[in-house]
């Protein structure tokens, strides 16, 4: 049930907040970027990442001690958010630690971590 909740949240809540930042920074030529709009969208996304931060307190993975599909899906969005240069983000130490655990996984490196494009 918890994994399904995260998958639904990724589609209904996280993706709509992530999309303007990703499209603005990756898919839009630098000279055409509206940085004020992109940063405003990043600020909205930050609110969602603070939810993840709070949820990770006392957990190694989103659904407890074991890696799950929820980690892979939310981790893909996290990669976009954490690794984009040019946007301001709040400090999210638990998200950073969780993301480091994901990045250490060979499957994550193979399928999620290649260059953003």
PDB file of N, CA and C in Angstrom:
ATOM      1  N   UNK A   1       0.825  -1.197   0.000  1.00  0.00           N
ATOM      2  CA  UNK A   1       0.000   0.000   0.000  1.00  0.00           C
ATOM      3  C   UNK A   1       0.865   1.255   0.000  1.00  0.00           C
ATOM      4  N   UNK A   2       1.946   1.246   0.770  1.00  0.00           N
ATOM      5  CA  UNK A   2       2.814   2.419   0.834  1.00  0.00           C
ATOM      6  C   UNK A   2       3.508   2.708  -0.476  1.00  0.00           C
ATOM      7  N   UNK A   3       3.955   1.670  -1.152  1.00  0.00           N
ATOM      8  CA  UNK A   3       4.619   1.857  -2.448  1.00  0.00           C
ATOM      9  C   UNK A   3       3.634   2.461  -3.434  1.00  0.00           C
ATOM     10  N   UNK A   4       2.413   1.946  -3.480  1.00  0.00           N
ATOM     11  CA  UNK A   4       1.397   2.502  -4.377  1.00  0.00           C
ATOM     12  C   UNK A   4       1.146   3.976  -4.087  1.00  0.00           C
ATOM     13  N   UNK A   5       1.131   4.335  -2.828  1.00  0.00           N
ATOM     14  CA  UNK A   5       0.921   5.738  -2.448  1.00  0.00           C
ATOM     15  C   UNK A   5       2.013   6.621  -3.043  1.00  0.00           C
ATOM     16  N   UNK A   6       3.271   6.170  -2.956  1.00  0.00           N
ATOM     17  CA  UNK A   6       4.371   6.955  -3.513  1.00  0.00           C
ATOM     18  C   UNK A   6       4.294   7.033  -5.035  1.00  0.00           C
ATOM     19  N   UNK A   7       3.897   5.949  -5.667  1.00  0.00           N
ATOM     20  CA  UNK A   7       3.774   5.968  -7.127  1.00  0.00           C
ATOM     21  C   UNK A   7       2.679   6.937  -7.550  1.00  0.00           C
ATOM     22  N   UNK A   8       1.549   6.910  -6.867  1.00  0.00           N
ATOM     23  CA  UNK A   8       0.475   7.860  -7.163  1.00  0.00           C
ATOM     24  C   UNK A   8       0.937   9.294  -6.923  1.00  0.00           C
ATOM     25  N   UNK A   9       1.636   9.526  -5.826  1.00  0.00           N
ATOM     26  CA  UNK A   9       2.126  10.864  -5.483  1.00  0.00           C
ATOM     27  C   UNK A   9       3.100  11.364  -6.542  1.00  0.00           C
ATOM     28  N   UNK A  10       3.924  10.458  -7.061  1.00  0.00           N
ATOM     29  CA  UNK A  10       4.887  10.878  -8.089  1.00  0.00           C
ATOM     30  C   UNK A  10       4.172  11.406  -9.324  1.00  0.00           C
ATOM     31  N   UNK A  11       3.071  10.773  -9.702  1.00  0.00           N
ATOM     32  CA  UNK A  11       2.333  11.189 -10.904  1.00  0.00           C
ATOM     33  C   UNK A  11       1.417  12.379 -10.658  1.00  0.00           C
ATOM     34  N   UNK A  12       0.737  12.386  -9.532  1.00  0.00           N
ATOM     35  CA  UNK A  12      -0.276  13.416  -9.294  1.00  0.00           C
ATOM     36  C   UNK A  12       0.281  14.702  -8.712  1.00  0.00           C
ATOM     37  N   UNK A  13       1.398  14.621  -8.008  1.00  0.00           N
ATOM     38  CA  UNK A  13       1.890  15.773  -7.261  1.00  0.00           C
ATOM     39  C   UNK A  13       3.319  16.146  -7.639  1.00  0.00           C
ATOM     40  N   UNK A  14       4.221  15.186  -7.613  1.00  0.00           N
ATOM     41  CA  UNK A  14       5.634  15.496  -7.843  1.00  0.00           C
ATOM     42  C   UNK A  14       5.927  15.826  -9.302  1.00  0.00           C
ATOM     43  N   UNK A  15       5.429  15.043 -10.223  1.00  0.00           N
ATOM     44  CA  UNK A  15       5.713  15.283 -11.642  1.00  0.00           C
ATOM     45  C   UNK A  15       5.220  16.655 -12.099  1.00  0.00           C
ATOM     46  N   UNK A  16       4.000  17.081 -11.736  1.00  0.00           N
ATOM     47  CA  UNK A  16       3.581  18.416 -12.164  1.00  0.00           C
ATOM     48  C   UNK A  16       4.466  19.538 -11.609  1.00  0.00           C
ATOM     49  N   UNK A  17       5.033  19.349 -10.431  1.00  0.00           N
ATOM     50  CA  UNK A  17       5.935  20.353  -9.859  1.00  0.00           C
ATOM     51  C   UNK A  17       7.324  20.279 -10.488  1.00  0.00           C
ATOM     52  N   UNK A  18       7.751  19.079 -10.833  1.00  0.00           N
ATOM     53  CA  UNK A  18       9.082  18.860 -11.402  1.00  0.00           C
ATOM     54  C   UNK A  18       9.174  19.320 -12.858  1.00  0.00           C
ATOM     55  N   UNK A  19       8.119  19.120 -13.600  1.00  0.00           N
ATOM     56  CA  UNK A  19       8.160  19.342 -15.047  1.00  0.00           C
ATOM     57  C   UNK A  19       8.614  20.748 -15.451  1.00  0.00           C
ATOM     58  N   UNK A  20       8.056  21.831 -14.872  1.00  0.00           N
ATOM     59  CA  UNK A  20       8.501  23.157 -15.317  1.00  0.00           C
ATOM     60  C   UNK A  20       9.989  23.417 -15.049  1.00  0.00           C
ATOM     61  N   UNK A  21      10.508  22.838 -13.984  1.00  0.00           N
ATOM     62  CA  UNK A  21      11.930  23.016 -13.675  1.00  0.00           C
ATOM     63  C   UNK A  21      12.772  22.238 -14.686  1.00  0.00           C
ATOM     64  N   UNK A  22      12.423  20.989 -14.917  1.00  0.00           N
ATOM     65  CA  UNK A  22      13.170  20.152 -15.855  1.00  0.00           C
ATOM     66  C   UNK A  22      13.104  20.716 -17.270  1.00  0.00           C
ATOM     67  N   UNK A  23      11.912  21.027 -17.738  1.00  0.00           N
ATOM     68  CA  UNK A  23      11.771  21.567 -19.097  1.00  0.00           C
ATOM     69  C   UNK A  23      12.486  22.910 -19.204  1.00  0.00           C
ATOM     70  N   UNK A  24      12.337  23.740 -18.188  1.00  0.00           N
ATOM     71  CA  UNK A  24      12.977  25.054 -18.217  1.00  0.00           C
ATOM     72  C   UNK A  24      14.492  24.995 -18.237  1.00  0.00           C
ATOM     73  N   UNK A  25      15.065  24.070 -17.494  1.00  0.00           N
ATOM     74  CA  UNK A  25      16.527  24.012 -17.378  1.00  0.00           C
ATOM     75  C   UNK A  25      17.187  23.078 -18.392  1.00  0.00           C
ATOM     76  N   UNK A  26      16.522  22.023 -18.793  1.00  0.00           N
ATOM     77  CA  UNK A  26      17.151  21.019 -19.653  1.00  0.00           C
ATOM     78  C   UNK A  26      16.672  21.131 -21.096  1.00  0.00           C
ATOM     79  N   UNK A  27      15.394  21.341 -21.291  1.00  0.00           N
ATOM     80  CA  UNK A  27      14.844  21.322 -22.648  1.00  0.00           C
ATOM     81  C   UNK A  27      14.753  22.702 -23.294  1.00  0.00           C
ATOM     82  N   UNK A  28      14.977  23.755 -22.531  1.00  0.00           N
ATOM     83  CA  UNK A  28      14.888  25.113 -23.056  1.00  0.00           C
ATOM     84  C   UNK A  28      16.294  25.662 -23.267  1.00  0.00           C
ATOM     85  N   UNK A  29      16.574  26.210 -24.457  1.00  0.00           N
ATOM     86  CA  UNK A  29      17.894  26.808 -24.674  1.00  0.00           C
ATOM     87  C   UNK A  29      18.171  27.891 -23.621  1.00  0.00           C
ATOM     88  N   UNK A  30      19.414  27.976 -23.207  1.00  0.00           N
ATOM     89  CA  UNK A  30      19.800  28.888 -22.128  1.00  0.00           C
ATOM     90  C   UNK A  30      19.306  30.312 -22.365  1.00  0.00           C
ATOM     91  N   UNK A  31      19.417  30.786 -23.586  1.00  0.00           N
ATOM     92  CA  UNK A  31      19.035  32.170 -23.889  1.00  0.00           C
ATOM     93  C   UNK A  31      17.518  32.394 -23.833  1.00  0.00           C
ATOM     94  N   UNK A  32      16.733  31.333 -23.800  1.00  0.00           N
ATOM     95  CA  UNK A  32      15.274  31.464 -23.754  1.00  0.00           C
ATOM     96  C   UNK A  32      14.686  31.118 -22.389  1.00  0.00           C
ATOM     97  N   UNK A  33      15.516  30.812 -21.428  1.00  0.00           N
ATOM     98  CA  UNK A  33      15.032  30.416 -20.104  1.00  0.00           C
ATOM     99  C   UNK A  33      14.476  31.607 -19.333  1.00  0.00           C
ATOM    100  N   UNK A  34      13.358  31.385 -18.697  1.00  0.00           N
ATOM    101  CA  UNK A  34      12.770  32.365 -17.783  1.00  0.00           C
ATOM    102  C   UNK A  34      13.163  31.928 -16.371  1.00  0.00           C
ATOM    103  N   UNK A  35      14.310  32.421 -15.918  1.00  0.00           N
ATOM    104  CA  UNK A  35      14.859  31.943 -14.653  1.00  0.00           C
ATOM    105  C   UNK A  35      13.971  32.276 -13.458  1.00  0.00           C
ATOM    106  N   UNK A  36      13.245  33.388 -13.523  1.00  0.00           N
ATOM    107  CA  UNK A  36      12.339  33.714 -12.412  1.00  0.00           C
ATOM    108  C   UNK A  36      11.236  32.660 -12.312  1.00  0.00           C
ATOM    109  N   UNK A  37      10.674  32.271 -13.449  1.00  0.00           N
ATOM    110  CA  UNK A  37       9.623  31.249 -13.455  1.00  0.00           C
ATOM    111  C   UNK A  37      10.185  29.888 -13.045  1.00  0.00           C
ATOM    112  N   UNK A  38      11.378  29.585 -13.515  1.00  0.00           N
ATOM    113  CA  UNK A  38      12.003  28.305 -13.162  1.00  0.00           C
ATOM    114  C   UNK A  38      12.270  28.245 -11.663  1.00  0.00           C
ATOM    115  N   UNK A  39      12.801  29.327 -11.095  1.00  0.00           N
ATOM    116  CA  UNK A  39      13.087  29.332  -9.661  1.00  0.00           C
ATOM    117  C   UNK A  39      11.799  29.280  -8.848  1.00  0.00           C
ATOM    118  N   UNK A  40      10.747  29.935  -9.327  1.00  0.00           N
ATOM    119  CA  UNK A  40       9.454  29.859  -8.630  1.00  0.00           C
ATOM    120  C   UNK A  40       8.950  28.414  -8.621  1.00  0.00           C
ATOM    121  N   UNK A  41       9.082  27.734  -9.755  1.00  0.00           N
ATOM    122  CA  UNK A  41       8.678  26.324  -9.834  1.00  0.00           C
ATOM    123  C   UNK A  41       9.555  25.467  -8.926  1.00  0.00           C
ATOM    124  N   UNK A  42      10.844  25.771  -8.882  1.00  0.00           N
ATOM    125  CA  UNK A  42      11.755  25.026  -7.999  1.00  0.00           C
ATOM    126  C   UNK A  42      11.363  25.230  -6.538  1.00  0.00           C
ATOM    127  N   UNK A  43      10.889  26.418  -6.213  1.00  0.00           N
ATOM    128  CA  UNK A  43      10.417  26.679  -4.852  1.00  0.00           C
ATOM    129  C   UNK A  43       9.202  25.837  -4.495  1.00  0.00           C
ATOM    130  N   UNK A  44       8.301  25.671  -5.458  1.00  0.00           N
ATOM    131  CA  UNK A  44       7.139  24.802  -5.241  1.00  0.00           C
ATOM    132  C   UNK A  44       7.586  23.346  -5.089  1.00  0.00           C
ATOM    133  N   UNK A  45       8.528  22.931  -5.922  1.00  0.00           N
ATOM    134  CA  UNK A  45       9.057  21.566  -5.814  1.00  0.00           C
ATOM    135  C   UNK A  45       9.742  21.361  -4.461  1.00  0.00           C
ATOM    136  N   UNK A  46      10.408  22.392  -3.967  1.00  0.00           N
ATOM    137  CA  UNK A  46      11.100  22.287  -2.676  1.00  0.00           C
ATOM    138  C   UNK A  46      10.134  21.916  -1.556  1.00  0.00           C
ATOM    139  N   UNK A  47       8.923  22.445  -1.617  1.00  0.00           N
ATOM    140  CA  UNK A  47       7.923  22.107  -0.593  1.00  0.00           C
ATOM    141  C   UNK A  47       7.643  20.601  -0.591  1.00  0.00           C
ATOM    142  N   UNK A  48       7.618  20.016  -1.769  1.00  0.00           N
ATOM    143  CA  UNK A  48       7.364  18.577  -1.869  1.00  0.00           C
ATOM    144  C   UNK A  48       8.561  17.775  -1.373  1.00  0.00           C
ATOM    145  N   UNK A  49       9.771  18.246  -1.680  1.00  0.00           N
ATOM    146  CA  UNK A  49      10.959  17.536  -1.208  1.00  0.00           C
ATOM    147  C   UNK A  49      11.096  17.641   0.304  1.00  0.00           C
ATOM    148  N   UNK A  50      10.526  18.682   0.900  1.00  0.00           N
ATOM    149  CA  UNK A  50      10.524  18.768   2.358  1.00  0.00           C
ATOM    150  C   UNK A  50       9.585  17.719   2.965  1.00  0.00           C
ATOM    151  N   UNK A  51       8.538  17.345   2.233  1.00  0.00           N
ATOM    152  CA  UNK A  51       7.675  16.238   2.670  1.00  0.00           C
ATOM    153  C   UNK A  51       8.477  14.937   2.679  1.00  0.00           C
ATOM    154  N   UNK A  52       9.241  14.718   1.616  1.00  0.00           N
ATOM    155  CA  UNK A  52      10.082  13.516   1.548  1.00  0.00           C
ATOM    156  C   UNK A  52      11.112  13.546   2.673  1.00  0.00           C
ATOM    157  N   UNK A  53      11.718  14.703   2.891  1.00  0.00           N
ATOM    158  CA  UNK A  53      12.703  14.861   3.970  1.00  0.00           C
ATOM    159  C   UNK A  53      12.095  14.437   5.309  1.00  0.00           C
ATOM    160  N   UNK A  54      10.919  14.938   5.616  1.00  0.00           N
ATOM    161  CA  UNK A  54      10.268  14.604   6.888  1.00  0.00           C
ATOM    162  C   UNK A  54       9.930  13.112   6.955  1.00  0.00           C
ATOM    163  N   UNK A  55       9.501  12.556   5.840  1.00  0.00           N
ATOM    164  CA  UNK A  55       9.133  11.133   5.809  1.00  0.00           C
ATOM    165  C   UNK A  55      10.343  10.224   6.039  1.00  0.00           C
ATOM    166  N   UNK A  56      11.505  10.654   5.575  1.00  0.00           N
ATOM    167  CA  UNK A  56      12.706   9.819   5.687  1.00  0.00           C
ATOM    168  C   UNK A  56      13.294   9.781   7.103  1.00  0.00           C
ATOM    169  N   UNK A  57      12.801  10.608   7.987  1.00  0.00           N
ATOM    170  CA  UNK A  57      13.333  10.608   9.354  1.00  0.00           C
ATOM    171  C   UNK A  57      13.166   9.213   9.959  1.00  0.00           C
ATOM    172  N   UNK A  58      14.278   8.606  10.332  1.00  0.00           N
ATOM    173  CA  UNK A  58      14.265   7.275  10.925  1.00  0.00           C
ATOM    174  C   UNK A  58      14.147   6.139   9.919  1.00  0.00           C
ATOM    175  N   UNK A  59      14.248   6.464   8.627  1.00  0.00           N
ATOM    176  CA  UNK A  59      14.132   5.441   7.579  1.00  0.00           C
ATOM    177  C   UNK A  59      15.339   5.507   6.657  1.00  0.00           C
ATOM    178  N   UNK A  60      15.715   4.363   6.105  1.00  0.00           N
ATOM    179  CA  UNK A  60      16.761   4.333   5.084  1.00  0.00           C
ATOM    180  C   UNK A  60      16.170   4.437   3.691  1.00  0.00           C
ATOM    181  N   UNK A  61      14.940   3.979   3.556  1.00  0.00           N
ATOM    182  CA  UNK A  61      14.242   4.003   2.272  1.00  0.00           C
ATOM    183  C   UNK A  61      12.817   4.482   2.512  1.00  0.00           C
ATOM    184  N   UNK A  62      12.124   4.818   1.442  1.00  0.00           N
ATOM    185  CA  UNK A  62      10.799   5.416   1.584  1.00  0.00           C
ATOM    186  C   UNK A  62       9.819   4.533   2.339  1.00  0.00           C
ATOM    187  N   UNK A  63       9.941   3.239   2.167  1.00  0.00           N
ATOM    188  CA  UNK A  63       9.025   2.327   2.856  1.00  0.00           C
ATOM    189  C   UNK A  63       9.770   1.469   3.864  1.00  0.00           C
ATOM    190  N   UNK A  64      10.639   2.108   4.638  1.00  0.00           N
ATOM    191  CA  UNK A  64      11.309   1.411   5.721  1.00  0.00           C
ATOM    192  C   UNK A  64      12.735   1.031   5.405  1.00  0.00           C
ATOM    193  N   UNK A  65      13.119  -0.172   5.790  1.00  0.00           N
ATOM    194  CA  UNK A  65      14.495  -0.594   5.673  1.00  0.00           C
ATOM    195  C   UNK A  65      14.876  -1.221   4.355  1.00  0.00           C
ATOM    196  N   UNK A  66      13.916  -1.455   3.491  1.00  0.00           N
ATOM    197  CA  UNK A  66      14.211  -2.149   2.238  1.00  0.00           C
ATOM    198  C   UNK A  66      13.949  -1.254   1.029  1.00  0.00           C
ATOM    199  N   UNK A  67      14.832  -1.342   0.067  1.00  0.00           N
ATOM    200  CA  UNK A  67      14.677  -0.650  -1.205  1.00  0.00           C
ATOM    201  C   UNK A  67      13.421  -1.166  -1.901  1.00  0.00           C
ATOM    202  N   UNK A  68      12.676  -0.260  -2.546  1.00  0.00           N
ATOM    203  CA  UNK A  68      11.455  -0.669  -3.245  1.00  0.00           C
ATOM    204  C   UNK A  68      11.298   0.132  -4.536  1.00  0.00           C
ATOM    205  N   UNK A  69      10.288  -0.210  -5.294  1.00  0.00           N
ATOM    206  CA  UNK A  69       9.967   0.526  -6.512  1.00  0.00           C
ATOM    207  C   UNK A  69       9.715   2.002  -6.211  1.00  0.00           C
ATOM    208  N   UNK A  70       9.172   2.302  -5.053  1.00  0.00           N
ATOM    209  CA  UNK A  70       8.943   3.698  -4.667  1.00  0.00           C
ATOM    210  C   UNK A  70      10.253   4.481  -4.671  1.00  0.00           C
ATOM    211  N   UNK A  71      11.314   3.882  -4.162  1.00  0.00           N
ATOM    212  CA  UNK A  71      12.613   4.555  -4.139  1.00  0.00           C
ATOM    213  C   UNK A  71      13.128   4.812  -5.547  1.00  0.00           C
ATOM    214  N   UNK A  72      12.948   3.859  -6.434  1.00  0.00           N
ATOM    215  CA  UNK A  72      13.424   4.022  -7.807  1.00  0.00           C
ATOM    216  C   UNK A  72      12.668   5.151  -8.506  1.00  0.00           C
ATOM    217  N   UNK A  73      11.362   5.171  -8.356  1.00  0.00           N
ATOM    218  CA  UNK A  73      10.544   6.176  -9.042  1.00  0.00           C
ATOM    219  C   UNK A  73      10.784   7.569  -8.461  1.00  0.00           C
ATOM    220  N   UNK A  74      10.675   7.722  -7.164  1.00  0.00           N
ATOM    221  CA  UNK A  74      10.897   9.031  -6.550  1.00  0.00           C
ATOM    222  C   UNK A  74      12.363   9.420  -6.707  1.00  0.00           C
ATOM    223  N   UNK A  75      13.257   8.439  -6.687  1.00  0.00           N
ATOM    224  CA  UNK A  75      14.680   8.711  -6.890  1.00  0.00           C
ATOM    225  C   UNK A  75      14.988   9.301  -8.248  1.00  0.00           C
ATOM    226  N   UNK A  76      14.253   8.893  -9.276  1.00  0.00           N
ATOM    227  CA  UNK A  76      14.461   9.471 -10.607  1.00  0.00           C
ATOM    228  C   UNK A  76      14.128  10.959 -10.601  1.00  0.00           C
ATOM    229  N   UNK A  77      13.052  11.326  -9.924  1.00  0.00           N
ATOM    230  CA  UNK A  77      12.713  12.746  -9.805  1.00  0.00           C
ATOM    231  C   UNK A  77      13.735  13.466  -8.926  1.00  0.00           C
ATOM    232  N   UNK A  78      14.191  12.797  -7.889  1.00  0.00           N
ATOM    233  CA  UNK A  78      15.187  13.396  -6.996  1.00  0.00           C
ATOM    234  C   UNK A  78      16.458  13.723  -7.759  1.00  0.00           C
ATOM    235  N   UNK A  79      16.856  12.833  -8.617  1.00  0.00           N
ATOM    236  CA  UNK A  79      18.055  13.064  -9.416  1.00  0.00           C
ATOM    237  C   UNK A  79      17.937  14.366 -10.187  1.00  0.00           C
ATOM    238  N   UNK A  80      16.797  14.560 -10.834  1.00  0.00           N
ATOM    239  CA  UNK A  80      16.584  15.805 -11.581  1.00  0.00           C
ATOM    240  C   UNK A  80      16.710  17.014 -10.658  1.00  0.00           C
ATOM    241  N   UNK A  81      16.063  16.935  -9.511  1.00  0.00           N
ATOM    242  CA  UNK A  81      16.020  18.071  -8.594  1.00  0.00           C
ATOM    243  C   UNK A  81      17.384  18.350  -7.968  1.00  0.00           C
ATOM    244  N   UNK A  82      18.039  17.313  -7.484  1.00  0.00           N
ATOM    245  CA  UNK A  82      19.306  17.462  -6.766  1.00  0.00           C
ATOM    246  C   UNK A  82      20.452  17.853  -7.698  1.00  0.00           C
ATOM    247  N   UNK A  83      20.474  17.302  -8.886  1.00  0.00           N
ATOM    248  CA  UNK A  83      21.643  17.473  -9.746  1.00  0.00           C
ATOM    249  C   UNK A  83      21.541  18.614 -10.751  1.00  0.00           C
ATOM    250  N   UNK A  84      20.420  19.302 -10.805  1.00  0.00           N
ATOM    251  CA  UNK A  84      20.315  20.439 -11.714  1.00  0.00           C
ATOM    252  C   UNK A  84      21.116  21.611 -11.174  1.00  0.00           C
ATOM    253  N   UNK A  85      21.965  22.171 -11.995  1.00  0.00           N
ATOM    254  CA  UNK A  85      22.685  23.385 -11.629  1.00  0.00           C
ATOM    255  C   UNK A  85      21.815  24.590 -11.953  1.00  0.00           C
ATOM    256  N   UNK A  86      21.980  25.653 -11.186  1.00  0.00           N
ATOM    257  CA  UNK A  86      21.327  26.907 -11.515  1.00  0.00           C
ATOM    258  C   UNK A  86      20.034  27.187 -10.779  1.00  0.00           C
ATOM    259  N   UNK A  87      19.612  26.282  -9.877  1.00  0.00           N
ATOM    260  CA  UNK A  87      18.423  26.563  -9.071  1.00  0.00           C
ATOM    261  C   UNK A  87      18.796  26.507  -7.595  1.00  0.00           C
ATOM    262  N   UNK A  88      18.075  27.287  -6.810  1.00  0.00           N
ATOM    263  CA  UNK A  88      18.290  27.280  -5.370  1.00  0.00           C
ATOM    264  C   UNK A  88      17.409  26.211  -4.741  1.00  0.00           C
ATOM    265  N   UNK A  89      17.979  25.509  -3.746  1.00  0.00           N
ATOM    266  CA  UNK A  89      17.262  24.451  -3.043  1.00  0.00           C
ATOM    267  C   UNK A  89      17.506  24.590  -1.544  1.00  0.00           C
ATOM    268  N   UNK A  90      16.528  24.176  -0.749  1.00  0.00           N
ATOM    269  CA  UNK A  90      16.767  24.155   0.694  1.00  0.00           C
ATOM    270  C   UNK A  90      17.691  22.990   1.054  1.00  0.00           C
ATOM    271  N   UNK A  91      18.233  23.040   2.243  1.00  0.00           N
ATOM    272  CA  UNK A  91      19.033  21.927   2.745  1.00  0.00           C
ATOM    273  C   UNK A  91      18.100  20.747   3.019  1.00  0.00           C
ATOM    274  N   UNK A  92      18.448  19.607   2.452  1.00  0.00           N
ATOM    275  CA  UNK A  92      17.655  18.383   2.624  1.00  0.00           C
ATOM    276  C   UNK A  92      18.603  17.228   2.953  1.00  0.00           C
ATOM    277  N   UNK A  93      19.186  17.217   4.149  1.00  0.00           N
ATOM    278  CA  UNK A  93      20.217  16.216   4.449  1.00  0.00           C
ATOM    279  C   UNK A  93      19.726  14.773   4.378  1.00  0.00           C
ATOM    280  N   UNK A  94      18.513  14.495   4.810  1.00  0.00           N
ATOM    281  CA  UNK A  94      18.020  13.114   4.755  1.00  0.00           C
ATOM    282  C   UNK A  94      17.746  12.687   3.318  1.00  0.00           C
ATOM    283  N   UNK A  95      17.234  13.598   2.511  1.00  0.00           N
ATOM    284  CA  UNK A  95      17.043  13.306   1.085  1.00  0.00           C
ATOM    285  C   UNK A  95      18.398  13.070   0.429  1.00  0.00           C
ATOM    286  N   UNK A  96      19.392  13.882   0.766  1.00  0.00           N
ATOM    287  CA  UNK A  96      20.736  13.717   0.197  1.00  0.00           C
ATOM    288  C   UNK A  96      21.317  12.350   0.571  1.00  0.00           C
ATOM    289  N   UNK A  97      21.171  11.949   1.831  1.00  0.00           N
ATOM    290  CA  UNK A  97      21.687  10.641   2.271  1.00  0.00           C
ATOM    291  C   UNK A  97      20.961   9.503   1.556  1.00  0.00           C
ATOM    292  N   UNK A  98      19.639   9.612   1.453  1.00  0.00           N
ATOM    293  CA  UNK A  98      18.834   8.599   0.758  1.00  0.00           C
ATOM    294  C   UNK A  98      19.247   8.521  -0.706  1.00  0.00           C
ATOM    295  N   UNK A  99      19.404   9.687  -1.332  1.00  0.00           N
ATOM    296  CA  UNK A  99      19.802   9.722  -2.737  1.00  0.00           C
ATOM    297  C   UNK A  99      21.189   9.099  -2.924  1.00  0.00           C
ATOM    298  N   UNK A 100      22.102   9.326  -1.995  1.00  0.00           N
ATOM    299  CA  UNK A 100      23.434   8.707  -2.071  1.00  0.00           C
ATOM    300  C   UNK A 100      23.321   7.180  -2.017  1.00  0.00           C
ATOM    301  N   UNK A 101      22.418   6.668  -1.183  1.00  0.00           N
ATOM    302  CA  UNK A 101      22.206   5.212  -1.139  1.00  0.00           C
ATOM    303  C   UNK A 101      21.678   4.704  -2.480  1.00  0.00           C
ATOM    304  N   UNK A 102      20.777   5.447  -3.084  1.00  0.00           N
ATOM    305  CA  UNK A 102      20.242   5.046  -4.392  1.00  0.00           C
ATOM    306  C   UNK A 102      21.334   5.060  -5.454  1.00  0.00           C
ATOM    307  N   UNK A 103      22.122   6.129  -5.471  1.00  0.00           N
ATOM    308  CA  UNK A 103      23.184   6.265  -6.479  1.00  0.00           C
ATOM    309  C   UNK A 103      24.231   5.171  -6.369  1.00  0.00           C
ATOM    310  N   UNK A 104      24.367   4.577  -5.208  1.00  0.00           N
ATOM    311  CA  UNK A 104      25.350   3.507  -5.019  1.00  0.00           C
ATOM    312  C   UNK A 104      24.879   2.178  -5.614  1.00  0.00           C
ATOM    313  N   UNK A 105      23.627   2.091  -5.971  1.00  0.00           N
ATOM    314  CA  UNK A 105      23.060   0.845  -6.502  1.00  0.00           C
ATOM    315  C   UNK A 105      23.378   0.725  -7.990  1.00  0.00           C
ATOM    316  N   UNK A 106      23.934  -0.389  -8.442  1.00  0.00           N
ATOM    317  CA  UNK A 106      24.278  -0.546  -9.862  1.00  0.00           C
ATOM    318  C   UNK A 106      23.097  -0.327 -10.814  1.00  0.00           C
ATOM    319  N   UNK A 107      21.921  -0.815 -10.466  1.00  0.00           N
ATOM    320  CA  UNK A 107      20.763  -0.635 -11.357  1.00  0.00           C
ATOM    321  C   UNK A 107      20.393   0.839 -11.480  1.00  0.00           C
ATOM    322  N   UNK A 108      20.506   1.589 -10.400  1.00  0.00           N
ATOM    323  CA  UNK A 108      20.229   3.026 -10.448  1.00  0.00           C
ATOM    324  C   UNK A 108      21.252   3.715 -11.345  1.00  0.00           C
ATOM    325  N   UNK A 109      22.510   3.348 -11.201  1.00  0.00           N
ATOM    326  CA  UNK A 109      23.561   3.930 -12.039  1.00  0.00           C
ATOM    327  C   UNK A 109      23.307   3.647 -13.513  1.00  0.00           C
ATOM    328  N   UNK A 110      22.875   2.455 -13.814  1.00  0.00           N
ATOM    329  CA  UNK A 110      22.645   2.045 -15.202  1.00  0.00           C
ATOM    330  C   UNK A 110      21.422   2.701 -15.823  1.00  0.00           C
ATOM    331  N   UNK A 111      20.334   2.759 -15.072  1.00  0.00           N
ATOM    332  CA  UNK A 111      19.058   3.135 -15.668  1.00  0.00           C
ATOM    333  C   UNK A 111      18.569   4.532 -15.325  1.00  0.00           C
ATOM    334  N   UNK A 112      19.000   5.094 -14.232  1.00  0.00           N
ATOM    335  CA  UNK A 112      18.505   6.402 -13.809  1.00  0.00           C
ATOM    336  C   UNK A 112      19.582   7.473 -13.899  1.00  0.00           C
ATOM    337  N   UNK A 113      20.820   7.136 -13.635  1.00  0.00           N
ATOM    338  CA  UNK A 113      21.873   8.131 -13.492  1.00  0.00           C
ATOM    339  C   UNK A 113      22.529   8.647 -14.771  1.00  0.00           C
ATOM    340  N   UNK A 114      22.291   8.091 -15.955  1.00  0.00           N
ATOM    341  CA  UNK A 114      22.945   8.688 -17.131  1.00  0.00           C
ATOM    342  C   UNK A 114      22.611  10.174 -17.290  1.00  0.00           C
ATOM    343  N   UNK A 115      23.369  10.847 -18.112  1.00  0.00           N
ATOM    344  CA  UNK A 115      23.266  12.296 -18.297  1.00  0.00           C
ATOM    345  C   UNK A 115      21.836  12.747 -18.570  1.00  0.00           C
ATOM    346  N   UNK A 116      21.460  13.850 -17.910  1.00  0.00           N
ATOM    347  CA  UNK A 116      20.153  14.449 -18.175  1.00  0.00           C
ATOM    348  C   UNK A 116      20.145  15.027 -19.577  1.00  0.00           C
ATOM    349  N   UNK A 117      19.084  14.742 -20.318  1.00  0.00           N
ATOM    350  CA  UNK A 117      18.961  15.331 -21.658  1.00  0.00           C
ATOM    351  C   UNK A 117      17.505  15.420 -22.057  1.00  0.00           C
TER     352      UNK A 117
END
